[in-house]
Amino acid sequence: MKKQMIKIASRATALRFGLIIALGVFAASCSKEEISPVADVTEREMNIVEKLASFENAANGNGYSFDITSSKKDILVQGENKEERKAASAANGPTFSTLNVALARTGLAGVVSSNRLTVFAPTDAAFAALGLHPNNIASVPNLANILLYHVVDGIVTSDMLSNGFVPTANGAAVEINLDNSVFVNDAQVIMADIKARNGIIHAIDKVMLPPTMNLVGLAQSFAPEFSILVDAVIAADLNEVLATGGPFTVFAPTNAAFVALLGELGFNSLDEIPVEVLTQVLLYHVVEGRFFSSDLVSGTVPTLNGTFEVNTSNFTITDANERESNIDTSLINIQATNGVVHVIDRVILPELN
């Protein structure tokens, strides 16, 4: 096989519940003025679930609360009595009761307590914004999948974060953006580096929702822009593979790209293209694995039917026939449950047999 020049995140198999996920390698530091680091203050080091529960204990006046307004580490708020401590905590610190109940109801509490993980933890306020609380959280469909979208394998502290995509325990990835404060997708990190015995917690102000559509469903949802692509996939009998297999990265041509191809090849409609040729062409747009734009480097990219060249300086693809297609940078990194889509403006062609 030709040398693959796609830079991918390192693979890991650490989670005991059988998921195989990749952990991105992070390099840049993030601003400590934007989010306040927190240290463990208990005599016995707590696991992640216990640590989350400790914030509720503090809010109820049973212990210390953290001053997240201070720029200094390890600052505690300790009132003269229980009511003062409770008031101070309510003003300064988040709680995670809904998250802990959700972990317990889905059977994930044991997983989160015993594996080395990083958890992006939505606060009670984040769940409440969706009308969710400890008494109704168990009724949320696909709750376990949503929770796993907040979990990353291994320990990732705030100074290890950099702009890019991080694979999570449900297979999809979240996007880290450090350009203005620290965001995970559209959720802001409001408290970072909460240390636990088996990992790190970063508190976030929104619940993140993972992708819900497979690659075929995603293309259909963009109708009519990709209706010809969907018709081609069905005609080539690739819809089941692309809907249930993967993960795959698909470079998806628009309807305009297919119309231009028909004119280029002298066809009047998609039906005139032999199925075997159509299949070869479609497979040439599919790469095995989940690759985001930040994973690409200039060079040769292996597909399910040959290779093409990618140039990341101008985001172009050159196919086996020296034809060039542009990657639409406004329509990249579109996630599906089983892969990711990048939109291109020209159908690329392999060496046809």
Protein backbone atom coordinates (compact mmCIF):
# COMPACT_ATOMS: atom_id res chain seq x y z
CA MET A 1 0.00 0.00 0.00
CA LYS A 2 1.30 3.44 -0.80
CA LYS A 3 2.41 5.53 2.12
CA GLN A 4 -0.60 7.11 3.76
CA MET A 5 0.01 10.78 4.38
CA ILE A 6 -3.04 11.44 6.46
CA LYS A 7 -2.05 12.38 9.99
CA ILE A 8 -4.43 10.69 12.38
CA ALA A 9 -4.92 10.68 16.10
CA SER A 10 -3.27 7.81 17.95
CA ARG A 11 -5.49 4.81 18.68
CA ALA A 12 -6.34 3.56 22.13
CA THR A 13 -8.27 0.62 23.57
CA ALA A 14 -8.37 1.60 27.21
CA LEU A 15 -12.08 1.67 27.94
CA ARG A 16 -13.37 -1.50 29.55
CA PHE A 17 -16.79 -1.23 27.98
CA GLY A 18 -15.30 -2.27 24.65
CA LEU A 19 -15.19 1.00 22.77
CA ILE A 20 -12.15 1.69 20.56
CA ILE A 21 -11.51 5.38 20.42
CA ALA A 22 -8.67 7.63 19.40
CA LEU A 23 -7.13 10.26 21.58
CA GLY A 24 -5.84 13.37 19.85
CA VAL A 25 -2.47 14.73 20.80
CA PHE A 26 -2.70 18.28 22.06
CA ALA A 27 0.05 20.85 22.15
CA ALA A 28 -1.00 24.43 22.75
CA SER A 29 -1.79 26.00 26.11
CA CYS A 30 -5.05 27.80 26.95
CA SER A 31 -5.59 30.95 28.94
CA LYS A 32 -5.90 30.55 32.69
CA GLU A 33 -7.57 33.94 32.95
CA GLU A 34 -10.56 32.57 31.05
CA ILE A 35 -11.15 29.45 33.15
CA SER A 36 -10.18 28.74 36.71
CA PRO A 37 -8.17 25.63 37.58
CA VAL A 38 -9.30 23.69 40.63
CA ALA A 39 -7.35 21.32 42.87
CA ASP A 40 -8.53 18.40 44.95
CA VAL A 41 -9.01 19.33 48.60
CA THR A 42 -10.17 16.05 50.09
CA GLU A 43 -8.07 13.85 52.32
CA ARG A 44 -8.92 10.75 50.26
CA GLU A 45 -8.61 11.29 46.55
CA MET A 46 -12.04 10.91 44.92
CA ASN A 47 -12.87 9.23 41.63
CA ILE A 48 -14.66 11.22 38.94
CA VAL A 49 -18.20 10.37 40.07
CA GLU A 50 -17.39 11.11 43.70
CA LYS A 51 -15.75 14.36 42.69
CA LEU A 52 -18.85 15.44 40.79
CA ALA A 53 -20.97 14.61 43.83
CA SER A 54 -18.68 16.62 46.09
CA PHE A 55 -19.83 19.83 44.42
CA GLU A 56 -23.39 19.06 45.47
CA ASN A 57 -22.20 18.43 49.02
CA ALA A 58 -20.48 21.81 49.00
CA ALA A 59 -23.61 23.51 47.67
CA ASN A 60 -25.60 21.96 50.51
CA GLY A 61 -23.22 23.46 53.01
CA ASN A 62 -21.47 20.23 53.87
CA GLY A 63 -17.98 21.32 52.97
CA TYR A 64 -15.86 23.67 50.94
CA SER A 65 -16.72 25.37 47.71
CA PHE A 66 -14.39 26.69 45.06
CA ASP A 67 -13.89 30.34 44.25
CA ILE A 68 -13.96 30.26 40.45
CA THR A 69 -13.67 34.04 40.27
CA SER A 70 -10.11 34.04 41.54
CA SER A 71 -7.12 33.85 39.23
CA LYS A 72 -5.19 31.95 41.89
CA LYS A 73 -5.20 28.20 42.29
CA ASP A 74 -6.60 26.32 45.25
CA ILE A 75 -8.68 29.19 46.66
CA LEU A 76 -11.48 27.96 48.90
CA VAL A 77 -14.57 29.65 50.23
CA GLN A 78 -15.23 28.60 53.80
CA GLY A 79 -18.13 30.28 55.60
CA GLU A 80 -18.52 30.60 59.33
CA ASN A 81 -21.46 28.21 59.27
CA LYS A 82 -23.39 25.86 57.01
CA GLU A 83 -25.70 28.54 55.61
CA GLU A 84 -22.80 30.86 54.75
CA ARG A 85 -20.98 28.02 53.03
CA LYS A 86 -24.11 27.08 51.10
CA ALA A 87 -24.68 30.68 49.96
CA ALA A 88 -21.04 31.10 48.96
CA SER A 89 -21.08 27.86 46.99
CA ALA A 90 -24.31 28.69 45.17
CA ALA A 91 -22.78 31.98 44.07
CA ASN A 92 -19.44 30.57 42.98
CA GLY A 93 -19.60 26.93 42.04
CA PRO A 94 -21.44 24.59 39.67
CA THR A 95 -23.21 21.39 40.66
CA PHE A 96 -23.55 18.14 38.72
CA SER A 97 -26.50 16.27 40.25
CA THR A 98 -28.26 15.65 36.93
CA LEU A 99 -25.08 14.34 35.32
CA ASN A 100 -24.42 11.96 38.20
CA VAL A 101 -27.98 10.63 38.11
CA ALA A 102 -27.66 10.16 34.34
CA LEU A 103 -24.43 8.21 34.77
CA ALA A 104 -26.05 5.99 37.38
CA ARG A 105 -29.23 5.36 35.37
CA THR A 106 -27.29 4.38 32.24
CA GLY A 107 -24.87 2.10 34.07
CA LEU A 108 -21.92 4.31 33.14
CA ALA A 109 -21.06 5.40 36.68
CA GLY A 110 -18.81 2.39 37.15
CA VAL A 111 -17.04 3.04 33.86
CA VAL A 112 -16.45 6.69 34.65
CA SER A 113 -15.30 5.82 38.17
CA SER A 114 -12.70 3.24 37.22
CA ASN A 115 -11.10 4.23 33.90
CA ARG A 116 -8.58 6.99 33.20
CA LEU A 117 -10.80 9.53 31.49
CA THR A 118 -11.43 13.18 30.82
CA VAL A 119 -15.03 14.31 31.25
CA PHE A 120 -16.51 17.49 29.83
CA ALA A 121 -19.19 17.80 32.49
CA PRO A 122 -22.39 19.78 31.83
CA THR A 123 -23.55 21.58 34.94
CA ASP A 124 -27.03 21.30 36.41
CA ALA A 125 -27.74 24.69 34.85
CA ALA A 126 -26.76 23.32 31.43
CA PHE A 127 -29.22 20.44 31.76
CA ALA A 128 -31.90 22.76 33.16
CA ALA A 129 -31.66 24.90 30.02
CA LEU A 130 -33.00 21.84 28.16
CA GLY A 131 -35.68 21.25 30.76
CA LEU A 132 -33.77 18.34 32.27
CA HIS A 133 -33.16 17.57 35.93
CA PRO A 134 -32.46 14.49 38.09
CA ASN A 135 -36.12 13.44 38.11
CA ASN A 136 -36.58 13.26 34.33
CA ILE A 137 -33.10 12.75 32.88
CA ALA A 138 -33.57 8.97 32.57
CA SER A 139 -36.35 9.52 30.01
CA VAL A 140 -33.99 11.07 27.45
CA PRO A 141 -33.60 8.80 24.38
CA ASN A 142 -30.07 7.55 23.68
CA LEU A 143 -28.90 9.02 26.97
CA ALA A 144 -25.84 6.77 27.24
CA ASN A 145 -24.70 7.82 23.77
CA ILE A 146 -25.08 11.49 24.70
CA LEU A 147 -23.08 11.00 27.89
CA LEU A 148 -20.29 9.17 26.08
CA TYR A 149 -20.03 12.15 23.73
CA HIS A 150 -18.72 14.07 26.76
CA VAL A 151 -16.01 11.52 27.61
CA VAL A 152 -12.48 11.36 26.20
CA ASP A 153 -10.07 8.50 26.80
CA GLY A 154 -7.04 9.39 28.92
CA ILE A 155 -6.23 12.47 30.94
CA VAL A 156 -6.33 15.77 29.05
CA THR A 157 -5.63 18.86 31.13
CA SER A 158 -6.37 22.38 29.90
CA ASP A 159 -2.74 23.07 28.99
CA MET A 160 -2.82 20.05 26.65
CA LEU A 161 -5.71 21.39 24.59
CA SER A 162 -5.28 22.84 21.11
CA ASN A 163 -7.61 23.80 18.28
CA GLY A 164 -8.94 20.74 16.50
CA PHE A 165 -11.11 17.68 16.92
CA VAL A 166 -11.02 15.23 19.81
CA PRO A 167 -12.49 11.73 19.45
CA THR A 168 -14.94 10.82 22.20
CA ALA A 169 -16.10 7.54 23.68
CA ASN A 170 -19.17 7.32 21.45
CA GLY A 171 -17.06 7.40 18.26
CA ALA A 172 -17.85 10.95 17.17
CA ALA A 173 -15.57 13.89 17.89
CA VAL A 174 -15.91 17.25 19.58
CA GLU A 175 -14.23 20.41 18.31
CA ILE A 176 -11.90 22.34 20.60
CA ASN A 177 -11.66 26.08 19.92
CA LEU A 178 -9.27 28.24 21.92
CA ASP A 179 -9.59 31.39 19.80
CA ASN A 180 -11.93 33.14 22.22
CA SER A 181 -11.96 31.53 25.65
CA VAL A 182 -12.16 27.72 25.64
CA PHE A 183 -15.03 26.06 23.79
CA VAL A 184 -15.93 22.43 23.17
CA ASN A 185 -18.32 22.57 20.23
CA ASP A 186 -20.54 25.46 21.38
CA ALA A 187 -20.13 24.73 25.10
CA GLN A 188 -17.79 26.97 27.08
CA VAL A 189 -15.45 25.53 29.67
CA ILE A 190 -16.29 27.44 32.85
CA MET A 191 -14.07 25.49 35.25
CA ALA A 192 -11.06 23.48 34.18
CA ASP A 193 -8.74 20.81 35.56
CA ILE A 194 -10.91 19.48 38.36
CA LYS A 195 -8.71 16.63 39.51
CA ALA A 196 -9.98 13.19 40.43
CA ARG A 197 -8.23 9.94 41.24
CA ASN A 198 -8.84 8.49 37.78
CA GLY A 199 -9.05 11.56 35.58
CA ILE A 200 -9.88 15.17 34.91
CA ILE A 201 -13.18 17.06 34.80
CA HIS A 202 -13.80 20.22 32.81
CA ALA A 203 -17.14 21.86 33.65
CA ILE A 204 -19.07 23.16 30.62
CA ASP A 205 -22.13 25.38 30.35
CA LYS A 206 -24.07 23.41 27.71
CA VAL A 207 -25.04 19.81 27.03
CA MET A 208 -23.44 18.65 23.78
CA LEU A 209 -25.53 16.54 21.41
CA PRO A 210 -23.74 14.02 19.17
CA PRO A 211 -24.54 13.38 15.50
CA THR A 212 -27.75 11.42 14.98
CA MET A 213 -27.72 10.64 11.23
CA ASN A 214 -25.58 8.18 9.29
CA LEU A 215 -23.73 9.25 6.15
CA VAL A 216 -26.60 8.47 3.79
CA GLY A 217 -29.18 10.11 6.03
CA LEU A 218 -26.94 13.15 6.34
CA ALA A 219 -26.71 13.51 2.55
CA GLN A 220 -30.48 13.13 2.28
CA SER A 221 -30.99 15.81 4.92
CA PHE A 222 -29.17 18.31 2.69
CA ALA A 223 -31.69 17.78 -0.12
CA PRO A 224 -31.82 18.85 -2.80
CA GLU A 225 -28.14 19.83 -2.85
CA PHE A 226 -26.92 16.21 -2.78
CA SER A 227 -29.89 14.41 -4.32
CA ILE A 228 -27.85 13.19 -7.31
CA LEU A 229 -25.18 11.82 -4.98
CA VAL A 230 -27.86 9.95 -3.02
CA ASP A 231 -29.37 8.59 -6.26
CA ALA A 232 -25.92 7.45 -7.38
CA VAL A 233 -25.24 5.70 -4.07
CA ILE A 234 -28.56 3.86 -4.30
CA ALA A 235 -28.00 2.94 -7.97
CA ALA A 236 -24.58 1.50 -7.12
CA ASP A 237 -26.10 -0.41 -4.17
CA LEU A 238 -23.73 1.29 -1.72
CA ASN A 239 -26.37 2.83 0.51
CA GLU A 240 -26.36 0.04 3.10
CA VAL A 241 -22.57 0.04 3.38
CA LEU A 242 -22.41 3.81 3.77
CA ALA A 243 -25.33 3.83 6.19
CA THR A 244 -24.17 1.04 8.51
CA GLY A 245 -20.44 0.57 7.88
CA GLY A 246 -17.47 2.72 8.65
CA PRO A 247 -16.35 4.99 9.97
CA PHE A 248 -15.72 6.60 6.60
CA THR A 249 -14.66 9.99 5.34
CA VAL A 250 -16.67 11.03 2.28
CA PHE A 251 -15.67 13.76 -0.13
CA ALA A 252 -19.17 14.61 -1.35
CA PRO A 253 -19.76 16.22 -4.77
CA THR A 254 -22.70 18.61 -5.09
CA ASN A 255 -25.48 18.29 -7.65
CA ALA A 256 -23.74 20.93 -9.76
CA ALA A 257 -20.59 18.79 -9.73
CA PHE A 258 -22.52 15.77 -11.05
CA VAL A 259 -24.25 17.83 -13.74
CA ALA A 260 -20.85 19.06 -14.90
CA LEU A 261 -19.55 15.48 -14.95
CA LEU A 262 -22.41 14.30 -17.15
CA GLY A 263 -21.60 17.02 -19.65
CA GLU A 264 -17.89 16.23 -19.47
CA LEU A 265 -18.48 12.54 -20.20
CA GLY A 266 -21.21 13.10 -22.79
CA PHE A 267 -24.07 11.59 -20.79
CA ASN A 268 -27.55 13.03 -20.49
CA SER A 269 -28.44 11.42 -17.18
CA LEU A 270 -27.01 9.39 -14.33
CA ASP A 271 -28.85 6.32 -15.65
CA GLU A 272 -26.60 6.23 -18.72
CA ILE A 273 -23.46 5.63 -16.65
CA PRO A 274 -22.75 1.89 -16.32
CA VAL A 275 -23.29 0.73 -12.73
CA GLU A 276 -19.80 -0.75 -12.46
CA VAL A 277 -18.28 2.58 -13.53
CA LEU A 278 -20.52 4.51 -11.16
CA THR A 279 -19.47 2.22 -8.30
CA GLN A 280 -15.78 2.78 -9.01
CA VAL A 281 -16.30 6.53 -9.11
CA LEU A 282 -18.22 6.64 -5.83
CA LEU A 283 -15.72 4.44 -3.97
CA TYR A 284 -13.00 6.85 -5.10
CA HIS A 285 -14.67 9.49 -2.92
CA VAL A 286 -14.59 7.35 0.23
CA VAL A 287 -11.68 7.03 2.66
CA GLU A 288 -11.68 4.42 5.39
CA GLY A 289 -11.59 6.10 8.80
CA ARG A 290 -12.83 9.37 10.26
CA PHE A 291 -10.59 12.24 9.14
CA PHE A 292 -11.20 15.91 9.81
CA SER A 293 -9.68 18.78 7.88
CA SER A 294 -7.10 19.22 10.64
CA ASP A 295 -5.98 15.61 10.09
CA LEU A 296 -5.06 16.16 6.45
CA VAL A 297 -1.58 16.93 5.20
CA SER A 298 -0.53 17.49 1.62
CA GLY A 299 0.20 14.26 -0.20
CA THR A 300 -1.34 10.98 -1.29
CA VAL A 301 -4.65 9.90 0.18
CA PRO A 302 -5.73 6.25 -0.18
CA THR A 303 -9.41 5.70 -0.94
CA LEU A 304 -11.53 2.57 -1.33
CA ASN A 305 -10.62 2.65 -5.04
CA GLY A 306 -7.17 4.08 -5.64
CA THR A 307 -5.50 7.27 -4.46
CA PHE A 308 -5.70 10.99 -5.05
CA GLU A 309 -3.49 13.92 -4.09
CA VAL A 310 -4.57 16.57 -1.60
CA ASN A 311 -3.02 20.01 -1.24
CA THR A 312 -3.85 21.57 2.12
CA SER A 313 -2.34 24.95 1.22
CA ASN A 314 -5.29 25.65 -1.08
CA PHE A 315 -7.59 22.73 -0.16
CA THR A 316 -7.67 21.08 -3.56
CA ILE A 317 -7.80 17.46 -4.69
CA THR A 318 -6.07 16.22 -7.83
CA ASP A 319 -7.44 12.91 -9.12
CA ALA A 320 -5.74 10.12 -11.05
CA ASN A 321 -6.47 11.95 -14.31
CA GLU A 322 -4.91 15.26 -13.22
CA ARG A 323 -8.37 16.80 -12.80
CA GLU A 324 -8.71 19.23 -9.89
CA SER A 325 -11.54 19.65 -7.39
CA ASN A 326 -11.89 22.25 -4.65
CA ILE A 327 -12.78 21.33 -1.08
CA ASP A 328 -15.45 23.78 0.10
CA THR A 329 -13.96 25.04 3.37
CA SER A 330 -17.35 26.36 4.44
CA LEU A 331 -18.77 22.83 4.26
CA ILE A 332 -16.15 20.63 5.89
CA ASN A 333 -16.09 18.44 9.00
CA ILE A 334 -19.81 17.64 8.81
CA GLN A 335 -20.22 14.75 11.21
CA ALA A 336 -22.40 11.67 10.84
CA THR A 337 -22.77 8.80 13.27
CA ASN A 338 -20.42 6.72 11.15
CA GLY A 339 -18.09 9.25 9.62
CA VAL A 340 -17.44 12.76 8.40
CA VAL A 341 -18.23 14.62 5.17
CA HIS A 342 -16.26 17.24 3.25
CA VAL A 343 -18.04 18.87 0.29
CA ILE A 344 -16.21 19.20 -3.04
CA ASP A 345 -17.17 21.10 -6.19
CA ARG A 346 -16.13 18.54 -8.81
CA VAL A 347 -16.57 14.79 -9.14
CA ILE A 348 -13.13 13.18 -9.06
CA LEU A 349 -12.37 10.19 -11.27
CA PRO A 350 -10.15 7.17 -10.61
CA GLU A 351 -8.27 5.19 -13.21
CA LEU A 352 -11.29 3.47 -14.71
CA ASN A 353 -10.95 -0.19 -15.70
